[in-house]
Protein backbone atom coordinates (compact mmCIF):
# COMPACT_ATOMS: atom_id res chain seq x y z
CA UNK A 1 64.42 108.99 -80.82
CA UNK A 2 62.08 107.93 -78.08
CA UNK A 3 60.55 104.42 -77.81
CA UNK A 4 57.46 104.04 -75.69
CA UNK A 5 56.67 107.78 -76.34
CA UNK A 6 52.97 107.29 -75.95
CA UNK A 7 53.32 105.99 -72.29
CA UNK A 8 53.38 108.11 -69.08
CA UNK A 9 57.29 108.28 -69.00
CA UNK A 10 57.73 108.56 -72.64
CA UNK A 11 55.15 111.35 -73.18
CA UNK A 12 56.48 113.47 -70.40
CA UNK A 13 60.04 113.03 -71.73
CA UNK A 14 58.93 114.03 -75.21
CA UNK A 15 57.29 117.11 -73.68
CA UNK A 16 60.51 117.96 -71.87
CA UNK A 17 62.66 117.30 -74.93
CA UNK A 18 60.54 119.60 -77.17
CA UNK A 19 60.48 122.12 -74.47
CA UNK A 20 64.27 122.24 -74.68
CA UNK A 21 64.21 122.70 -78.48
CA UNK A 22 65.15 119.07 -79.51
CA UNK A 23 63.76 117.39 -82.61
CA UNK A 24 62.00 114.29 -81.62
CA UNK A 25 61.28 111.09 -83.59
CA UNK A 26 58.74 108.77 -81.73
CA UNK A 27 57.85 105.26 -82.39
CA UNK A 28 54.07 104.02 -82.19
CA UNK A 29 52.40 100.84 -82.89
CA UNK A 30 48.90 102.01 -83.81
CA UNK A 31 47.08 105.20 -84.15
CA UNK A 32 45.13 104.93 -80.99
CA UNK A 33 48.49 105.27 -78.98
CA UNK A 34 48.94 108.70 -80.44
CA UNK A 35 45.65 109.71 -78.92
CA UNK A 36 46.84 108.48 -75.62
CA UNK A 37 50.03 110.57 -76.12
CA UNK A 38 47.79 113.63 -76.55
CA UNK A 39 45.88 112.73 -73.49
CA UNK A 40 49.10 112.42 -71.50
CA UNK A 41 50.56 115.74 -72.91
CA UNK A 42 47.40 117.51 -72.10
CA UNK A 43 47.98 117.09 -68.34
CA UNK A 44 51.00 119.48 -68.65
CA UNK A 45 49.87 121.82 -71.40
CA UNK A 46 46.80 123.23 -73.15
CA UNK A 47 48.63 122.87 -76.44
CA UNK A 48 48.68 119.13 -76.73
CA UNK A 49 47.83 119.00 -80.50
CA UNK A 50 50.70 121.59 -81.27
CA UNK A 51 53.29 119.41 -79.36
CA UNK A 52 52.03 116.24 -81.07
CA UNK A 53 52.48 117.92 -84.53
CA UNK A 54 56.07 118.74 -83.58
CA UNK A 55 56.91 115.05 -83.13
CA UNK A 56 58.08 113.02 -86.15
CA UNK A 57 55.95 109.97 -85.76
CA UNK A 58 57.03 106.60 -87.13
CA UNK A 59 54.88 103.42 -87.14
CA UNK A 60 56.97 100.58 -86.18
CA UNK A 61 57.53 97.95 -83.60
CA UNK A 62 60.92 97.25 -81.77
CA UNK A 63 60.25 93.55 -82.37
CA UNK A 64 60.49 94.27 -86.22
CA UNK A 65 64.26 94.28 -86.50
CA UNK A 66 64.57 95.28 -90.11
CA UNK A 67 62.23 98.32 -89.68
CA UNK A 68 64.51 99.68 -87.13
CA UNK A 69 67.35 100.54 -89.52
CA UNK A 70 65.34 103.09 -91.42
CA UNK A 71 63.88 104.38 -88.08
CA UNK A 72 67.30 105.09 -86.77
CA UNK A 73 68.56 107.06 -89.85
CA UNK A 74 69.98 110.38 -88.64
CA UNK A 75 69.38 109.77 -84.87
CA UNK A 76 72.07 111.02 -82.45
CA UNK A 77 70.52 109.78 -79.24
CA UNK A 78 68.07 107.02 -78.34
CA UNK A 79 65.72 107.13 -75.20
CA UNK A 80 64.48 103.63 -74.71
CA UNK A 81 61.32 103.82 -72.58
CA UNK A 82 59.24 101.01 -74.33
CA UNK A 83 58.48 98.11 -72.06
CA UNK A 84 55.60 95.66 -71.20
CA UNK A 85 54.46 95.44 -67.60
CA UNK A 86 52.42 92.51 -66.64
CA UNK A 87 51.94 89.98 -63.92
CA UNK A 88 49.56 87.67 -65.92
CA UNK A 89 50.95 84.21 -66.66
CA UNK A 90 49.39 84.26 -70.09
CA UNK A 91 51.22 87.37 -71.14
CA UNK A 92 54.73 86.32 -69.71
CA UNK A 93 56.14 85.20 -73.04
CA UNK A 94 54.86 88.34 -74.77
CA UNK A 95 56.52 90.45 -72.14
CA UNK A 96 59.94 88.57 -72.51
CA UNK A 97 59.71 89.21 -76.24
CA UNK A 98 59.07 92.90 -75.91
CA UNK A 99 61.38 93.72 -72.99
CA UNK A 100 64.45 91.33 -73.89
CA UNK A 101 64.22 90.79 -77.57
CA UNK A 102 63.00 94.26 -78.28
CA UNK A 103 65.88 95.77 -76.39
CA UNK A 104 68.38 93.60 -78.14
CA UNK A 105 67.08 94.56 -81.51
CA UNK A 106 67.42 98.25 -80.50
CA UNK A 107 70.96 97.71 -79.09
CA UNK A 108 72.12 95.86 -82.29
CA UNK A 109 70.59 98.40 -84.62
CA UNK A 110 72.23 101.15 -82.77
CA UNK A 111 75.72 99.53 -83.08
CA UNK A 112 75.26 98.74 -86.74
CA UNK A 113 73.94 102.28 -87.50
CA UNK A 114 76.62 104.05 -85.59
CA UNK A 115 74.19 105.52 -83.03
CA UNK A 116 76.49 105.56 -79.99
CA UNK A 117 74.29 107.15 -77.17
CA UNK A 118 71.39 105.57 -75.30
CA UNK A 119 69.41 106.14 -72.21
CA UNK A 120 67.61 103.03 -71.06
CA UNK A 121 64.66 103.25 -68.76
CA UNK A 122 65.01 100.01 -66.57
CA UNK A 123 63.36 99.49 -63.21
CA UNK A 124 64.08 98.72 -59.56
CA UNK A 125 62.61 95.34 -60.50
CA UNK A 126 66.07 94.73 -62.32
CA UNK A 127 68.06 95.27 -59.16
CA UNK A 128 68.99 92.63 -56.54
CA UNK A 129 66.83 91.79 -53.53
CA UNK A 130 67.57 92.11 -50.01
CA UNK A 131 66.08 90.74 -46.72
CA UNK A 132 62.83 92.52 -45.64
CA UNK A 133 63.63 96.07 -44.54
CA UNK A 134 67.15 96.25 -45.96
CA UNK A 135 68.20 99.02 -48.38
CA UNK A 136 68.77 98.40 -51.93
CA UNK A 137 71.15 100.50 -54.01
CA UNK A 138 72.69 100.44 -57.63
CA UNK A 139 75.21 97.91 -56.28
CA UNK A 140 72.84 95.39 -54.79
CA UNK A 141 73.67 92.13 -56.76
CA UNK A 142 70.99 90.18 -58.53
CA UNK A 143 70.79 86.70 -57.22
CA UNK A 144 69.25 84.20 -59.71
CA UNK A 145 68.29 81.68 -56.97
CA UNK A 146 66.04 84.03 -55.32
CA UNK A 147 62.34 84.21 -56.37
CA UNK A 148 61.74 86.92 -58.96
CA UNK A 149 58.67 88.01 -60.80
CA UNK A 150 58.40 87.48 -64.47
CA UNK A 151 58.54 91.31 -64.93
CA UNK A 152 61.67 91.47 -62.74
CA UNK A 153 63.24 88.69 -64.88
CA UNK A 154 62.39 90.55 -68.18
CA UNK A 155 63.82 93.85 -66.89
CA UNK A 156 67.01 92.19 -65.61
CA UNK A 157 67.70 90.54 -68.93
CA UNK A 158 66.74 93.60 -70.97
CA UNK A 159 69.28 95.51 -68.88
CA UNK A 160 71.91 92.92 -69.73
CA UNK A 161 71.39 93.62 -73.47
CA UNK A 162 72.36 97.29 -72.66
CA UNK A 163 75.58 96.17 -70.84
CA UNK A 164 76.38 93.80 -73.68
CA UNK A 165 75.97 96.72 -75.95
CA UNK A 166 78.37 98.83 -73.78
CA UNK A 167 81.03 96.17 -74.06
CA UNK A 168 80.51 96.26 -77.85
CA UNK A 169 80.91 100.01 -78.11
CA UNK A 170 77.56 101.52 -77.22
CA UNK A 171 77.60 104.50 -74.74
CA UNK A 172 74.56 104.36 -72.39
CA UNK A 173 73.18 105.29 -69.10
CA UNK A 174 70.58 103.26 -67.27
CA UNK A 175 67.92 104.64 -64.94
CA UNK A 176 66.18 102.37 -62.54
CA UNK A 177 63.07 104.27 -61.31
CA UNK A 178 60.99 103.05 -58.38
CA UNK A 179 57.24 103.07 -58.60
CA UNK A 180 56.51 106.04 -61.06
CA UNK A 181 53.71 108.41 -59.79
CA UNK A 182 52.17 110.46 -62.44
CA UNK A 183 48.91 111.13 -64.51
CA UNK A 184 48.18 109.01 -67.49
CA UNK A 185 45.91 106.05 -68.34
CA UNK A 186 43.78 105.76 -65.18
CA UNK A 187 43.26 102.10 -65.99
CA UNK A 188 46.97 101.00 -66.10
CA UNK A 189 50.06 101.43 -63.84
CA UNK A 190 50.19 103.63 -60.87
CA UNK A 191 47.41 105.93 -62.03
CA UNK A 192 45.03 103.17 -61.47
CA UNK A 193 45.55 103.58 -57.70
CA UNK A 194 43.81 107.02 -57.92
CA UNK A 195 40.83 105.55 -59.73
CA UNK A 196 40.46 102.46 -57.46
CA UNK A 197 40.64 104.54 -54.22
CA UNK A 198 38.20 107.03 -55.57
CA UNK A 199 35.81 104.29 -56.16
CA UNK A 200 36.36 102.93 -52.75
CA UNK A 201 39.06 100.40 -51.73
CA UNK A 202 38.79 99.12 -48.12
CA UNK A 203 41.86 96.78 -48.26
CA UNK A 204 45.62 97.29 -47.81
CA UNK A 205 48.76 95.19 -47.25
CA UNK A 206 51.83 95.46 -45.01
CA UNK A 207 54.08 95.94 -47.96
CA UNK A 208 55.82 98.99 -49.09
CA UNK A 209 58.35 100.28 -51.68
CA UNK A 210 59.87 103.43 -53.28
CA UNK A 211 58.12 106.02 -55.12
CA UNK A 212 59.16 108.93 -57.59
CA UNK A 213 57.25 111.55 -59.58
CA UNK A 214 57.29 110.95 -63.20
CA UNK A 215 58.54 114.55 -63.75
CA UNK A 216 61.56 113.80 -61.51
CA UNK A 217 62.24 110.69 -63.65
CA UNK A 218 62.42 112.64 -66.96
CA UNK A 219 64.26 115.54 -65.27
CA UNK A 220 66.84 113.02 -64.08
CA UNK A 221 67.04 111.45 -67.60
CA UNK A 222 67.73 114.93 -69.14
CA UNK A 223 70.39 115.82 -66.44
CA UNK A 224 72.20 112.57 -66.97
CA UNK A 225 72.26 112.73 -70.76
CA UNK A 226 73.25 116.29 -71.02
CA UNK A 227 76.40 117.05 -72.85
CA UNK A 228 77.97 118.64 -69.87
CA UNK A 229 77.38 115.49 -67.57
CA UNK A 230 77.69 112.60 -70.24
CA UNK A 231 81.32 111.82 -69.62
CA UNK A 232 80.50 111.33 -65.96
CA UNK A 233 77.25 109.38 -66.52
CA UNK A 234 77.75 107.15 -69.50
CA UNK A 235 78.04 103.46 -68.75
CA UNK A 236 76.59 103.82 -65.40
CA UNK A 237 73.20 103.13 -63.77
CA UNK A 238 71.33 105.41 -61.46
CA UNK A 239 68.50 104.31 -58.98
CA UNK A 240 65.88 107.01 -59.19
CA UNK A 241 63.68 107.12 -56.04
CA UNK A 242 62.30 110.05 -54.00
CA UNK A 243 60.97 108.21 -51.01
CA UNK A 244 60.02 105.04 -49.41
CA UNK A 245 56.47 104.48 -47.99
CA UNK A 246 54.10 101.65 -46.94
CA UNK A 247 51.16 100.88 -49.32
CA UNK A 248 48.91 102.00 -46.46
CA UNK A 249 50.58 105.35 -46.32
CA UNK A 250 50.32 105.69 -50.19
CA UNK A 251 46.55 104.83 -50.21
CA UNK A 252 45.72 106.84 -47.27
CA UNK A 253 47.54 109.93 -48.89
CA UNK A 254 45.73 109.49 -52.17
CA UNK A 255 42.40 109.07 -50.12
CA UNK A 256 43.02 112.40 -48.20
CA UNK A 257 43.87 114.18 -51.52
CA UNK A 258 40.73 112.89 -53.32
CA UNK A 259 38.54 113.53 -50.07
CA UNK A 260 37.49 109.99 -49.81
CA UNK A 261 37.68 107.23 -47.20
CA UNK A 262 41.05 105.57 -46.81
CA UNK A 263 41.57 101.80 -46.72
CA UNK A 264 40.88 100.29 -43.25
CA UNK A 265 41.13 96.56 -43.42
CA UNK A 266 44.68 95.02 -43.58
CA UNK A 267 44.96 91.83 -45.54
CA UNK A 268 47.64 89.49 -44.12
CA UNK A 269 50.17 87.52 -46.21
CA UNK A 270 48.45 84.25 -45.33
CA UNK A 271 45.09 85.60 -46.64
CA UNK A 272 46.87 86.88 -49.90
CA UNK A 273 48.57 83.31 -50.23
CA UNK A 274 45.03 81.77 -50.11
CA UNK A 275 43.66 84.32 -52.43
CA UNK A 276 46.10 83.86 -55.35
CA UNK A 277 45.64 80.09 -55.15
CA UNK A 278 41.87 80.49 -55.27
CA UNK A 279 42.21 83.02 -57.97
CA UNK A 280 44.43 80.59 -59.92
CA UNK A 281 41.90 77.69 -59.61
CA UNK A 282 39.08 80.07 -60.65
CA UNK A 283 41.18 81.12 -63.66
CA UNK A 284 41.61 77.48 -64.70
CA UNK A 285 37.83 76.98 -64.49
CA UNK A 286 36.77 80.14 -66.31
CA UNK A 287 39.76 80.44 -68.74
CA UNK A 288 40.32 84.01 -67.65
CA UNK A 289 43.62 85.54 -66.13
CA UNK A 290 43.36 85.58 -62.31
CA UNK A 291 43.18 89.05 -60.91
CA UNK A 292 45.62 88.03 -58.06
CA UNK A 293 48.86 86.18 -58.86
CA UNK A 294 51.78 84.87 -56.90
CA UNK A 295 53.88 87.71 -58.38
CA UNK A 296 51.52 90.32 -57.33
CA UNK A 297 51.09 88.94 -53.79
CA UNK A 298 54.94 88.70 -53.45
CA UNK A 299 55.26 92.47 -54.15
CA UNK A 300 52.30 93.48 -52.13
CA UNK A 301 53.41 91.90 -48.86
CA UNK A 302 57.09 92.81 -48.82
CA UNK A 303 58.54 96.01 -47.56
CA UNK A 304 61.60 97.23 -49.63
CA UNK A 305 63.61 100.30 -49.23
CA UNK A 306 65.41 102.04 -52.14
CA UNK A 307 68.34 104.47 -52.01
CA UNK A 308 68.03 107.13 -54.71
CA UNK A 309 70.60 109.42 -53.36
CA UNK A 310 73.49 108.73 -55.86
CA UNK A 311 72.26 111.24 -58.46
CA UNK A 312 71.83 113.76 -55.60
CA UNK A 313 75.34 113.41 -54.34
CA UNK A 314 76.88 113.66 -57.76
CA UNK A 315 74.72 116.54 -59.22
CA UNK A 316 72.77 117.99 -56.48
CA UNK A 317 69.62 116.59 -57.89
CA UNK A 318 66.44 117.36 -55.80
CA UNK A 319 63.33 115.27 -55.71
CA UNK A 320 59.86 116.69 -55.32
CA UNK A 321 58.11 116.06 -52.01
CA UNK A 322 55.94 112.97 -51.90
CA UNK A 323 52.85 114.81 -50.76
CA UNK A 324 53.26 117.42 -53.55
CA UNK A 325 53.22 114.79 -56.14
CA UNK A 326 50.21 113.03 -54.69
CA UNK A 327 48.20 116.24 -54.49
CA UNK A 328 49.24 117.29 -57.91
CA UNK A 329 48.06 113.96 -59.56
CA UNK A 330 44.85 113.92 -57.47
CA UNK A 331 44.03 117.35 -58.83
CA UNK A 332 44.52 116.21 -62.29
CA UNK A 333 42.37 113.14 -61.70
CA UNK A 334 39.56 115.15 -60.27
CA UNK A 335 39.57 117.26 -63.28
CA UNK A 336 38.96 114.16 -65.49
CA UNK A 337 35.87 113.24 -63.51
CA UNK A 338 32.46 113.93 -64.89
CA UNK A 339 30.71 116.77 -63.24
CA UNK A 340 27.80 115.92 -60.96
CA UNK A 341 24.43 117.21 -61.74
CA UNK A 342 22.18 119.11 -59.52
């Protein structure tokens, strides 16, 4: 069973599982999300409808605890990809509910139904923080006293539900991907970078982080959950990160792949600090969520390095080159643009 199957990671995972001959049951909240699944799958195959028909779709919500019992009937393995990502203050409680209580519901149902195996898609946001420029690994400790975004807190505590489940008899592996690059909904997540830069984005910040191709994330998940590797991987976490780059390098690479002008104006942290405070005041006046928040500024201005080599050391896993991923996604994005007339 796959939760979050209609998202960028979940859709690619379902595609990979079906390619390997597995039977897949997928959760969805409304029919519109299945359309997004078909769109996401269409980036990898011309037979998107056929792939969608192979999936056993079940309409439910991980927050609906009683419904999960029927959903988990006859399931051998759960891939938990569902999560809410938001830096909006107004959505923080909903994000905590989805990411923490939803994961707790799933863990509890698995334990009660005897579903022993799970792969949980966490995030680098659930890992500890270091000083600017220091490397982060699977062992970097979470320090509650440090400032964390609402999303980081939600992912840390959702991961704690998995560790609790492990202590109660669940077998699970946790993957902590860095920023996942891939085709998907061009108005959400990392795909929005391609849309914004194509439209023209002159600004960049000094920050940087880790990046990984969505195809590498799902490849890693299948490697770690294979029957031949399970005894080595269960009850462990793996940081999945291909490379570390500044946001300026990311944006410039996307601009080059899209044949548009790269960002040229560096926005300093003091400028961003002023911006989120002004945006907060503006939001209080208009009643709308501010486009820039303290959480988003914190991430945009810090340079963080992630070590994703553990899976490579243990299993010889190879990541795709960063430029290959950017060019691949840019090619798909260009294919979604309306053709110019004349």
